[in-house]
Amino acid sequence: MKIVNSLKSLKDRHRDNRVIRRRGRIYVINKTNRRFKARQG
């Protein structure tokens, strides 16, 4: 999982990426290609 300041560019890397809020953090997750996970830090 990458930890980045801005998720906007990472959201566009794959068409299945989703931006999700969990426990006050913002994540990019991808069900089909799991190597695109990221967290905003």
N, C-alpha and C. Protein backbone atom coordinates (compact mmCIF):
# COMPACT_ATOMS: atom_id res chain seq x y z
N MET A 1 0.84 -1.19 0.00
CA MET A 1 0.00 0.00 0.00
C MET A 1 0.88 1.25 0.00
N LYS A 2 0.59 2.15 -0.93
CA LYS A 2 1.29 3.43 -0.98
C LYS A 2 0.62 4.40 -0.01
N ILE A 3 1.42 5.29 0.58
CA ILE A 3 0.89 6.36 1.41
C ILE A 3 1.30 7.67 0.76
N VAL A 4 0.32 8.45 0.32
CA VAL A 4 0.58 9.63 -0.49
C VAL A 4 -0.19 10.82 0.07
N ASN A 5 0.19 12.01 -0.38
CA ASN A 5 -0.49 13.22 0.05
C ASN A 5 -1.78 13.45 -0.72
N SER A 6 -1.79 13.05 -1.98
CA SER A 6 -2.97 13.29 -2.81
C SER A 6 -3.33 12.02 -3.56
N LEU A 7 -4.61 11.63 -3.49
CA LEU A 7 -5.05 10.40 -4.15
C LEU A 7 -5.60 10.64 -5.54
N LYS A 8 -5.68 11.88 -5.95
CA LYS A 8 -6.37 12.18 -7.21
C LYS A 8 -5.69 11.53 -8.41
N SER A 9 -4.35 11.55 -8.43
CA SER A 9 -3.64 10.95 -9.56
C SER A 9 -3.71 9.43 -9.50
N LEU A 10 -3.73 8.86 -8.29
CA LEU A 10 -3.75 7.40 -8.17
C LEU A 10 -5.10 6.82 -8.53
N LYS A 11 -6.16 7.62 -8.39
CA LYS A 11 -7.49 7.13 -8.72
C LYS A 11 -7.61 6.82 -10.22
N ASP A 12 -6.86 7.55 -11.04
CA ASP A 12 -6.98 7.40 -12.49
C ASP A 12 -6.04 6.35 -13.07
N ARG A 13 -5.31 5.63 -12.23
CA ARG A 13 -4.36 4.65 -12.76
C ARG A 13 -5.04 3.40 -13.30
N HIS A 14 -6.24 3.10 -12.80
CA HIS A 14 -6.96 1.90 -13.23
C HIS A 14 -8.44 2.20 -13.17
N ARG A 15 -9.21 1.59 -14.06
CA ARG A 15 -10.63 1.97 -14.13
C ARG A 15 -11.45 1.45 -12.98
N ASP A 16 -10.93 0.45 -12.23
CA ASP A 16 -11.70 -0.10 -11.11
C ASP A 16 -11.36 0.53 -9.77
N ASN A 17 -10.50 1.53 -9.75
CA ASN A 17 -10.13 2.15 -8.48
C ASN A 17 -11.32 2.89 -7.87
N ARG A 18 -11.47 2.75 -6.56
CA ARG A 18 -12.54 3.44 -5.83
C ARG A 18 -11.91 4.21 -4.68
N VAL A 19 -12.42 5.41 -4.42
CA VAL A 19 -11.98 6.20 -3.27
C VAL A 19 -13.00 6.00 -2.15
N ILE A 20 -12.52 5.56 -0.98
CA ILE A 20 -13.40 5.16 0.12
C ILE A 20 -12.88 5.76 1.42
N ARG A 21 -13.80 6.26 2.25
CA ARG A 21 -13.43 6.77 3.58
C ARG A 21 -13.69 5.69 4.61
N ARG A 22 -12.66 5.37 5.39
CA ARG A 22 -12.80 4.42 6.50
C ARG A 22 -12.08 4.95 7.71
N ARG A 23 -12.79 5.08 8.82
CA ARG A 23 -12.22 5.50 10.10
C ARG A 23 -11.43 6.81 9.97
N GLY A 24 -11.97 7.75 9.20
CA GLY A 24 -11.32 9.05 9.08
C GLY A 24 -10.17 9.11 8.09
N ARG A 25 -9.78 7.99 7.51
CA ARG A 25 -8.73 7.98 6.50
C ARG A 25 -9.36 7.77 5.14
N ILE A 26 -8.66 8.21 4.11
CA ILE A 26 -9.17 8.07 2.75
C ILE A 26 -8.29 7.05 2.02
N TYR A 27 -8.94 6.08 1.39
CA TYR A 27 -8.24 4.98 0.73
C TYR A 27 -8.63 4.90 -0.73
N VAL A 28 -7.70 4.40 -1.55
CA VAL A 28 -8.02 3.95 -2.89
C VAL A 28 -7.92 2.43 -2.85
N ILE A 29 -9.00 1.74 -3.20
CA ILE A 29 -8.96 0.29 -3.24
C ILE A 29 -9.38 -0.19 -4.61
N ASN A 30 -8.99 -1.42 -4.93
CA ASN A 30 -9.27 -1.98 -6.24
C ASN A 30 -9.52 -3.47 -6.04
N LYS A 31 -10.74 -3.91 -6.33
CA LYS A 31 -11.09 -5.31 -6.09
C LYS A 31 -10.43 -6.24 -7.11
N THR A 32 -10.25 -5.76 -8.35
CA THR A 32 -9.75 -6.67 -9.39
C THR A 32 -8.24 -6.70 -9.46
N ASN A 33 -7.57 -5.58 -9.12
CA ASN A 33 -6.11 -5.53 -9.22
C ASN A 33 -5.59 -4.89 -7.94
N ARG A 34 -5.25 -5.74 -6.95
CA ARG A 34 -5.04 -5.25 -5.60
C ARG A 34 -3.74 -4.49 -5.40
N ARG A 35 -2.89 -4.43 -6.42
CA ARG A 35 -1.64 -3.70 -6.20
C ARG A 35 -1.81 -2.17 -6.30
N PHE A 36 -3.01 -1.68 -6.56
CA PHE A 36 -3.26 -0.25 -6.66
C PHE A 36 -3.78 0.35 -5.36
N LYS A 37 -3.63 -0.37 -4.25
CA LYS A 37 -4.11 0.17 -2.98
C LYS A 37 -3.27 1.38 -2.56
N ALA A 38 -3.92 2.37 -1.95
CA ALA A 38 -3.22 3.55 -1.47
C ALA A 38 -4.00 4.16 -0.32
N ARG A 39 -3.28 4.91 0.51
CA ARG A 39 -3.89 5.61 1.62
C ARG A 39 -3.39 7.04 1.63
N GLN A 40 -4.29 7.97 1.96
CA GLN A 40 -3.87 9.36 2.06
C GLN A 40 -3.29 9.59 3.43
N GLY A 41 -2.07 10.20 3.49
CA GLY A 41 -1.42 10.37 4.77
C GLY A 41 -0.93 11.76 4.93
